[in-house]
Amino acid sequence: MNKYYKISDYSFARAKEINVRLKPSLKGNYKIDIFNNMGDYITSIGHRQYADYPTYLKNNGKEFADSRRDLYYKRHKNYKKFSRGWYASKILW
C-alpha cells in the first residue's frame, strides 16, 4: 500500500477556492497537510482509515458518493470557520 494518500484533483480545486495549498501528510494517520500561500503549516485533515468524497466517487460512482456526502454534512454541520473540521468539509467533501 502506498504510504501517502494521493490527493485528488477535486481536493486541489476545492483548496484553490479557499486559497490554501495541499501536500500529502507526513503526520500520523492523516491524509493531507494544509498550508497557507506563504508555506506556513495550518493543520492536517482526513483520517486515512475513512473514505472521502473523491474516494467514493472513484470507487462507487457519483450517486453513492453524493449520498455519502449528504450524510457527512448532516453529521458535521456546525464547524467553526478555519477549524480542522471546516477545512476537511471544504476540501474532502
C-alpha atoms as a PDB file:
ATOM      1  CA  MET A   1       0.000   0.000   0.000  1.00  0.00           C
ATOM      2  CA  ASN A   2       1.199   3.500  -0.812  1.00  0.00           C
ATOM      3  CA  LYS A   3       2.449   5.290   2.292  1.00  0.00           C
ATOM      4  CA  TYR A   4       0.914   8.584   1.201  1.00  0.00           C
ATOM      5  CA  TYR A   5      -2.651   9.484   0.269  1.00  0.00           C
ATOM      6  CA  LYS A   6      -2.945  10.578  -3.361  1.00  0.00           C
ATOM      7  CA  ILE A   7      -4.646  13.961  -3.278  1.00  0.00           C
ATOM      8  CA  SER A   8      -7.357  14.171  -5.927  1.00  0.00           C
ATOM      9  CA  ASP A   9      -7.851  16.925  -8.489  1.00  0.00           C
ATOM     10  CA  TYR A  10     -11.193  17.544  -6.770  1.00  0.00           C
ATOM     11  CA  SER A  11      -9.431  18.344  -3.476  1.00  0.00           C
ATOM     12  CA  PHE A  12      -6.841  20.552  -5.178  1.00  0.00           C
ATOM     13  CA  ALA A  13      -9.630  22.529  -6.875  1.00  0.00           C
ATOM     14  CA  ARG A  14     -11.513  22.908  -3.587  1.00  0.00           C
ATOM     15  CA  ALA A  15      -8.331  24.052  -1.834  1.00  0.00           C
ATOM     16  CA  LYS A  16      -7.736  26.677  -4.518  1.00  0.00           C
ATOM     17  CA  GLU A  17     -11.236  28.080  -3.841  1.00  0.00           C
ATOM     18  CA  ILE A  18     -10.312  28.773  -0.205  1.00  0.00           C
ATOM     19  CA  ASN A  19      -6.751  29.876  -1.017  1.00  0.00           C
ATOM     20  CA  VAL A  20      -4.701  27.113   0.628  1.00  0.00           C
ATOM     21  CA  ARG A  21      -2.106  24.608  -0.584  1.00  0.00           C
ATOM     22  CA  LEU A  22      -2.114  20.863  -0.024  1.00  0.00           C
ATOM     23  CA  LYS A  23       0.563  18.211   0.439  1.00  0.00           C
ATOM     24  CA  PRO A  24       0.262  14.535   1.365  1.00  0.00           C
ATOM     25  CA  SER A  25       0.530  14.371   5.146  1.00  0.00           C
ATOM     26  CA  LEU A  26       3.616  13.096   6.896  1.00  0.00           C
ATOM     27  CA  LYS A  27       1.797  13.195  10.234  1.00  0.00           C
ATOM     28  CA  GLY A  28       0.388  10.028  11.752  1.00  0.00           C
ATOM     29  CA  ASN A  29      -2.827   8.832  10.207  1.00  0.00           C
ATOM     30  CA  TYR A  30      -3.796  11.989   8.340  1.00  0.00           C
ATOM     31  CA  LYS A  31      -4.271  12.239   4.568  1.00  0.00           C
ATOM     32  CA  ILE A  32      -3.478  15.883   3.848  1.00  0.00           C
ATOM     33  CA  ASP A  33      -1.431  18.713   5.348  1.00  0.00           C
ATOM     34  CA  ILE A  34      -2.749  22.210   4.658  1.00  0.00           C
ATOM     35  CA  PHE A  35      -0.554  25.276   4.198  1.00  0.00           C
ATOM     36  CA  ASN A  36      -1.256  28.939   3.549  1.00  0.00           C
ATOM     37  CA  ASN A  37       0.192  30.613   0.449  1.00  0.00           C
ATOM     38  CA  MET A  38       3.310  31.639   2.388  1.00  0.00           C
ATOM     39  CA  GLY A  39       4.020  27.953   3.054  1.00  0.00           C
ATOM     40  CA  ASP A  40       3.098  28.061   6.747  1.00  0.00           C
ATOM     41  CA  TYR A  41       1.513  24.893   8.130  1.00  0.00           C
ATOM     42  CA  ILE A  42      -2.140  25.286   9.144  1.00  0.00           C
ATOM     43  CA  THR A  43      -3.422  21.807  10.036  1.00  0.00           C
ATOM     44  CA  SER A  44      -3.765  18.181   8.934  1.00  0.00           C
ATOM     45  CA  ILE A  45      -7.077  16.659   7.815  1.00  0.00           C
ATOM     46  CA  GLY A  46      -8.691  13.368   6.864  1.00  0.00           C
ATOM     47  CA  HIS A  47      -8.020  10.166   8.749  1.00  0.00           C
ATOM     48  CA  ARG A  48      -6.587   7.552   6.389  1.00  0.00           C
ATOM     49  CA  GLN A  49      -8.976   4.919   7.709  1.00  0.00           C
ATOM     50  CA  TYR A  50     -12.047   6.736   6.366  1.00  0.00           C
ATOM     51  CA  ALA A  51     -13.135   7.402   2.805  1.00  0.00           C
ATOM     52  CA  ASP A  52     -13.994  10.858   1.468  1.00  0.00           C
ATOM     53  CA  TYR A  53     -15.998  12.224  -1.459  1.00  0.00           C
ATOM     54  CA  PRO A  54     -13.282  11.761  -4.134  1.00  0.00           C
ATOM     55  CA  THR A  55     -12.633   8.199  -2.934  1.00  0.00           C
ATOM     56  CA  TYR A  56     -16.323   7.299  -3.004  1.00  0.00           C
ATOM     57  CA  LEU A  57     -16.667   8.951  -6.401  1.00  0.00           C
ATOM     58  CA  LYS A  58     -13.801   6.901  -7.841  1.00  0.00           C
ATOM     59  CA  ASN A  59     -14.770   3.585  -6.247  1.00  0.00           C
ATOM     60  CA  ASN A  60     -18.572   3.696  -6.086  1.00  0.00           C
ATOM     61  CA  GLY A  61     -19.840   6.294  -8.555  1.00  0.00           C
ATOM     62  CA  LYS A  62     -21.453   9.715  -8.285  1.00  0.00           C
ATOM     63  CA  GLU A  63     -24.843   8.674  -6.897  1.00  0.00           C
ATOM     64  CA  PHE A  64     -23.300   6.793  -3.972  1.00  0.00           C
ATOM     65  CA  ALA A  65     -20.669   9.500  -3.368  1.00  0.00           C
ATOM     66  CA  ASP A  66     -23.373  12.186  -3.304  1.00  0.00           C
ATOM     67  CA  SER A  67     -25.394  10.186  -0.759  1.00  0.00           C
ATOM     68  CA  ARG A  68     -22.326   9.766   1.456  1.00  0.00           C
ATOM     69  CA  ARG A  69     -21.580  13.499   1.182  1.00  0.00           C
ATOM     70  CA  ASP A  70     -25.151  14.332   2.247  1.00  0.00           C
ATOM     71  CA  LEU A  71     -24.783  12.076   5.297  1.00  0.00           C
ATOM     72  CA  TYR A  72     -21.400  13.631   6.118  1.00  0.00           C
ATOM     73  CA  TYR A  73     -22.882  17.126   6.029  1.00  0.00           C
ATOM     74  CA  LYS A  74     -25.774  16.027   8.282  1.00  0.00           C
ATOM     75  CA  ARG A  75     -23.334  14.670  10.861  1.00  0.00           C
ATOM     76  CA  HIS A  76     -20.873  17.566  10.641  1.00  0.00           C
ATOM     77  CA  LYS A  77     -22.801  20.759  10.131  1.00  0.00           C
ATOM     78  CA  ASN A  78     -21.565  23.136  12.826  1.00  0.00           C
ATOM     79  CA  TYR A  79     -17.848  23.592  12.308  1.00  0.00           C
ATOM     80  CA  LYS A  80     -16.191  26.806  13.380  1.00  0.00           C
ATOM     81  CA  LYS A  81     -14.631  28.562  10.367  1.00  0.00           C
ATOM     82  CA  PHE A  82     -10.958  27.654   9.847  1.00  0.00           C
ATOM     83  CA  SER A  83     -11.102  24.682  12.233  1.00  0.00           C
ATOM     84  CA  ARG A  84      -9.719  21.299  11.205  1.00  0.00           C
ATOM     85  CA  GLY A  85     -13.260  20.031  10.566  1.00  0.00           C
ATOM     86  CA  TRP A  86     -14.098  23.093   8.485  1.00  0.00           C
ATOM     87  CA  TYR A  87     -11.069  22.503   6.244  1.00  0.00           C
ATOM     88  CA  ALA A  88     -11.959  18.805   5.920  1.00  0.00           C
ATOM     89  CA  SER A  89     -15.532  19.625   4.906  1.00  0.00           C
ATOM     90  CA  LYS A  90     -14.362  22.185   2.338  1.00  0.00           C
ATOM     91  CA  ILE A  91     -11.553  20.083   0.816  1.00  0.00           C
ATOM     92  CA  LEU A  92     -12.544  16.424   1.203  1.00  0.00           C
ATOM     93  CA  TRP A  93     -16.305  16.734   0.806  1.00  0.00           C
END
